Amino acid sequence: MAVALPGGGDGIPSASRQELRVRLLLARQAPVVHPWQGHEEEAKAKASQVEYLLMRLKQRLIDLPAGIDIVEFVQLDGKLPPDTRCS
């Protein structure tokens, strides 16, 4: 597929014109990657992990440790904070 550029006496050397054609072709074929795409996948994975943890709490398969806020418990992926673990 060729890209038609204004030709003739525009003062652009033919080598530069050819490079511009190649760049335009490559730009048209390059996949569009949005900076938030990876973050969206991570967010979905984290949301699934949180839903799973909440389901296990609801089913009483795990217990919320005494003295730990539910938000902190979820942020720690259902694990105890390092300072409350038994040695």
N, C-alpha and C. Protein backbone atom coordinates (compact mmCIF):
# COMPACT_ATOMS: atom_id res chain seq x y z
N MET A 1 0.85 -1.17 0.00
CA MET A 1 0.00 0.00 0.00
C MET A 1 0.90 1.23 0.00
N ALA A 2 0.65 2.12 -0.88
CA ALA A 2 1.47 3.33 -0.99
C ALA A 2 0.68 4.52 -0.46
N VAL A 3 1.41 5.45 0.11
CA VAL A 3 0.82 6.68 0.61
C VAL A 3 1.21 7.78 -0.37
N ALA A 4 0.22 8.45 -0.90
CA ALA A 4 0.49 9.51 -1.87
C ALA A 4 0.78 10.81 -1.13
N LEU A 5 1.93 11.37 -1.41
CA LEU A 5 2.30 12.66 -0.85
C LEU A 5 2.29 13.68 -1.98
N PRO A 6 2.08 14.93 -1.62
CA PRO A 6 2.15 15.94 -2.67
C PRO A 6 3.54 15.88 -3.31
N GLY A 7 3.59 15.75 -4.57
CA GLY A 7 4.87 15.57 -5.24
C GLY A 7 5.30 16.81 -6.00
N GLY A 8 6.41 16.63 -6.64
CA GLY A 8 6.85 17.70 -7.51
C GLY A 8 7.78 18.67 -6.84
N GLY A 9 7.56 19.93 -7.07
CA GLY A 9 8.48 20.97 -6.64
C GLY A 9 8.23 21.47 -5.24
N ASP A 10 8.05 20.56 -4.26
CA ASP A 10 7.84 21.00 -2.88
C ASP A 10 9.16 21.17 -2.13
N GLY A 11 10.27 20.88 -2.77
CA GLY A 11 11.56 21.08 -2.14
C GLY A 11 11.99 19.94 -1.24
N ILE A 12 11.20 18.86 -1.14
CA ILE A 12 11.57 17.71 -0.31
C ILE A 12 12.36 16.74 -1.16
N PRO A 13 13.60 16.40 -0.77
CA PRO A 13 14.37 15.42 -1.54
C PRO A 13 13.66 14.07 -1.58
N SER A 14 13.87 13.32 -2.64
CA SER A 14 13.15 12.05 -2.81
C SER A 14 13.47 11.06 -1.69
N ALA A 15 14.69 11.08 -1.14
CA ALA A 15 15.03 10.18 -0.03
C ALA A 15 14.21 10.53 1.21
N SER A 16 14.04 11.81 1.48
CA SER A 16 13.23 12.24 2.62
C SER A 16 11.77 11.90 2.40
N ARG A 17 11.32 12.04 1.16
CA ARG A 17 9.93 11.72 0.83
C ARG A 17 9.69 10.22 1.06
N GLN A 18 10.66 9.39 0.64
CA GLN A 18 10.52 7.94 0.83
C GLN A 18 10.51 7.59 2.32
N GLU A 19 11.38 8.23 3.10
CA GLU A 19 11.39 7.98 4.55
C GLU A 19 10.07 8.37 5.18
N LEU A 20 9.51 9.48 4.74
CA LEU A 20 8.22 9.93 5.25
C LEU A 20 7.12 8.92 4.91
N ARG A 21 7.15 8.38 3.69
CA ARG A 21 6.17 7.34 3.30
C ARG A 21 6.27 6.13 4.21
N VAL A 22 7.50 5.69 4.48
CA VAL A 22 7.71 4.53 5.34
C VAL A 22 7.20 4.81 6.75
N ARG A 23 7.51 5.97 7.27
CA ARG A 23 7.05 6.32 8.62
C ARG A 23 5.52 6.36 8.70
N LEU A 24 4.89 6.92 7.68
CA LEU A 24 3.43 6.97 7.66
C LEU A 24 2.83 5.56 7.59
N LEU A 25 3.41 4.71 6.78
CA LEU A 25 2.91 3.33 6.69
C LEU A 25 3.07 2.60 8.01
N LEU A 26 4.22 2.76 8.64
CA LEU A 26 4.45 2.09 9.92
C LEU A 26 3.52 2.63 11.00
N ALA A 27 3.27 3.93 10.98
CA ALA A 27 2.38 4.53 11.97
C ALA A 27 0.96 4.01 11.80
N ARG A 28 0.53 3.77 10.57
CA ARG A 28 -0.82 3.26 10.33
C ARG A 28 -0.95 1.81 10.78
N GLN A 29 0.14 1.05 10.73
CA GLN A 29 0.08 -0.37 11.06
C GLN A 29 0.36 -0.65 12.53
N ALA A 30 0.91 0.30 13.24
CA ALA A 30 1.27 0.09 14.65
C ALA A 30 0.02 -0.02 15.51
N PRO A 31 -0.01 -0.99 16.41
CA PRO A 31 -1.16 -1.08 17.30
C PRO A 31 -1.19 0.10 18.26
N VAL A 32 -2.37 0.55 18.59
CA VAL A 32 -2.52 1.66 19.51
C VAL A 32 -2.52 1.10 20.93
N VAL A 33 -1.58 1.55 21.74
CA VAL A 33 -1.48 1.10 23.12
C VAL A 33 -1.73 2.31 24.01
N HIS A 34 -2.75 2.19 24.82
CA HIS A 34 -3.07 3.27 25.74
C HIS A 34 -2.32 3.04 27.05
N PRO A 35 -1.84 4.10 27.68
CA PRO A 35 -1.04 3.93 28.90
C PRO A 35 -1.81 3.28 30.04
N TRP A 36 -3.13 3.30 30.01
CA TRP A 36 -3.91 2.74 31.11
C TRP A 36 -4.31 1.29 30.86
N GLN A 37 -3.98 0.70 29.71
CA GLN A 37 -4.40 -0.66 29.41
C GLN A 37 -3.88 -1.67 30.42
N GLY A 38 -2.62 -1.61 30.74
CA GLY A 38 -2.06 -2.54 31.72
C GLY A 38 -2.67 -2.34 33.09
N HIS A 39 -2.94 -1.10 33.43
CA HIS A 39 -3.52 -0.80 34.74
C HIS A 39 -4.93 -1.33 34.85
N GLU A 40 -5.67 -1.32 33.74
CA GLU A 40 -7.04 -1.82 33.75
C GLU A 40 -7.04 -3.32 34.03
N GLU A 41 -6.12 -4.04 33.42
CA GLU A 41 -6.02 -5.49 33.66
C GLU A 41 -5.64 -5.77 35.11
N GLU A 42 -4.72 -4.99 35.64
CA GLU A 42 -4.32 -5.15 37.05
C GLU A 42 -5.50 -4.85 37.98
N ALA A 43 -6.27 -3.82 37.64
CA ALA A 43 -7.41 -3.45 38.48
C ALA A 43 -8.46 -4.55 38.48
N LYS A 44 -8.70 -5.15 37.32
CA LYS A 44 -9.67 -6.25 37.25
C LYS A 44 -9.19 -7.45 38.06
N ALA A 45 -7.91 -7.75 37.97
CA ALA A 45 -7.36 -8.87 38.73
C ALA A 45 -7.47 -8.62 40.23
N LYS A 46 -7.16 -7.40 40.65
CA LYS A 46 -7.25 -7.05 42.07
C LYS A 46 -8.69 -7.09 42.55
N ALA A 47 -9.63 -6.60 41.72
CA ALA A 47 -11.04 -6.63 42.09
C ALA A 47 -11.52 -8.07 42.26
N SER A 48 -11.08 -8.96 41.40
CA SER A 48 -11.43 -10.38 41.54
C SER A 48 -10.87 -10.96 42.83
N GLN A 49 -9.65 -10.58 43.16
CA GLN A 49 -9.00 -11.06 44.38
C GLN A 49 -9.76 -10.56 45.61
N VAL A 50 -10.20 -9.31 45.60
CA VAL A 50 -10.95 -8.75 46.72
C VAL A 50 -12.30 -9.45 46.84
N GLU A 51 -13.00 -9.65 45.71
CA GLU A 51 -14.28 -10.35 45.74
C GLU A 51 -14.13 -11.75 46.31
N TYR A 52 -13.06 -12.45 45.93
CA TYR A 52 -12.82 -13.80 46.43
C TYR A 52 -12.59 -13.77 47.95
N LEU A 53 -11.81 -12.82 48.43
CA LEU A 53 -11.54 -12.70 49.86
C LEU A 53 -12.82 -12.40 50.63
N LEU A 54 -13.64 -11.49 50.11
CA LEU A 54 -14.90 -11.16 50.77
C LEU A 54 -15.86 -12.35 50.77
N MET A 55 -15.86 -13.12 49.69
CA MET A 55 -16.71 -14.32 49.62
C MET A 55 -16.28 -15.32 50.69
N ARG A 56 -14.99 -15.51 50.86
CA ARG A 56 -14.48 -16.45 51.87
C ARG A 56 -14.84 -15.98 53.29
N LEU A 57 -14.80 -14.66 53.51
CA LEU A 57 -15.23 -14.13 54.81
C LEU A 57 -16.72 -14.38 55.02
N LYS A 58 -17.52 -14.14 54.01
CA LYS A 58 -18.97 -14.32 54.10
C LYS A 58 -19.32 -15.79 54.35
N GLN A 59 -18.60 -16.68 53.72
CA GLN A 59 -18.85 -18.12 53.89
C GLN A 59 -18.25 -18.65 55.19
N ARG A 60 -17.58 -17.78 55.93
CA ARG A 60 -16.91 -18.13 57.19
C ARG A 60 -15.81 -19.19 57.00
N LEU A 61 -15.19 -19.16 55.83
CA LEU A 61 -14.05 -20.04 55.58
C LEU A 61 -12.78 -19.44 56.17
N ILE A 62 -12.79 -18.12 56.33
CA ILE A 62 -11.72 -17.42 57.04
C ILE A 62 -12.38 -16.43 57.99
N ASP A 63 -11.68 -16.04 59.03
CA ASP A 63 -12.20 -15.08 60.00
C ASP A 63 -11.39 -13.80 59.95
N LEU A 64 -12.09 -12.71 60.21
CA LEU A 64 -11.42 -11.41 60.33
C LEU A 64 -10.75 -11.38 61.69
N PRO A 65 -9.43 -11.26 61.73
CA PRO A 65 -8.73 -11.25 63.02
C PRO A 65 -9.18 -10.08 63.89
N ALA A 66 -9.23 -10.32 65.18
CA ALA A 66 -9.62 -9.27 66.13
C ALA A 66 -8.62 -8.12 66.08
N GLY A 67 -9.15 -6.91 66.12
CA GLY A 67 -8.30 -5.74 66.15
C GLY A 67 -7.81 -5.27 64.79
N ILE A 68 -8.24 -5.93 63.70
CA ILE A 68 -7.81 -5.53 62.36
C ILE A 68 -9.02 -5.02 61.60
N ASP A 69 -8.89 -3.85 61.03
CA ASP A 69 -9.93 -3.24 60.23
C ASP A 69 -10.11 -4.03 58.93
N ILE A 70 -11.36 -4.13 58.45
CA ILE A 70 -11.63 -4.88 57.22
C ILE A 70 -10.86 -4.31 56.03
N VAL A 71 -10.73 -2.99 55.97
CA VAL A 71 -10.00 -2.37 54.86
C VAL A 71 -8.53 -2.77 54.90
N GLU A 72 -7.95 -2.73 56.08
CA GLU A 72 -6.54 -3.14 56.21
C GLU A 72 -6.37 -4.61 55.87
N PHE A 73 -7.32 -5.44 56.32
CA PHE A 73 -7.27 -6.88 56.05
C PHE A 73 -7.31 -7.15 54.55
N VAL A 74 -8.18 -6.44 53.83
CA VAL A 74 -8.27 -6.61 52.38
C VAL A 74 -7.01 -6.08 51.69
N GLN A 75 -6.50 -4.94 52.17
CA GLN A 75 -5.28 -4.38 51.58
C GLN A 75 -4.10 -5.33 51.76
N LEU A 76 -4.12 -6.11 52.83
CA LEU A 76 -3.04 -7.07 53.09
C LEU A 76 -3.33 -8.44 52.48
N ASP A 77 -4.33 -8.51 51.60
CA ASP A 77 -4.70 -9.75 50.91
C ASP A 77 -5.06 -10.87 51.87
N GLY A 78 -5.68 -10.51 52.99
CA GLY A 78 -6.13 -11.52 53.94
C GLY A 78 -5.05 -12.05 54.85
N LYS A 79 -3.92 -11.38 54.86
CA LYS A 79 -2.81 -11.82 55.73
C LYS A 79 -2.72 -10.90 56.93
N LEU A 80 -2.13 -11.40 57.97
CA LEU A 80 -1.91 -10.57 59.17
C LEU A 80 -0.78 -9.60 58.93
N PRO A 81 -0.86 -8.41 59.54
CA PRO A 81 0.26 -7.48 59.43
C PRO A 81 1.50 -8.08 60.08
N PRO A 82 2.68 -7.73 59.63
CA PRO A 82 3.91 -8.32 60.15
C PRO A 82 4.07 -8.16 61.67
N ASP A 83 3.57 -7.08 62.24
CA ASP A 83 3.77 -6.84 63.68
C ASP A 83 2.82 -7.67 64.55
N THR A 84 1.82 -8.34 63.98
CA THR A 84 0.88 -9.14 64.79
C THR A 84 1.08 -10.64 64.64
N ARG A 85 2.04 -11.04 63.80
CA ARG A 85 2.27 -12.47 63.60
C ARG A 85 3.01 -13.06 64.80
N CYS A 86 2.72 -14.31 65.06
CA CYS A 86 3.40 -15.02 66.14
C CYS A 86 4.80 -15.43 65.69
N SER A 87 5.75 -15.33 66.60
CA SER A 87 7.13 -15.70 66.27
C SER A 87 7.41 -17.12 66.65
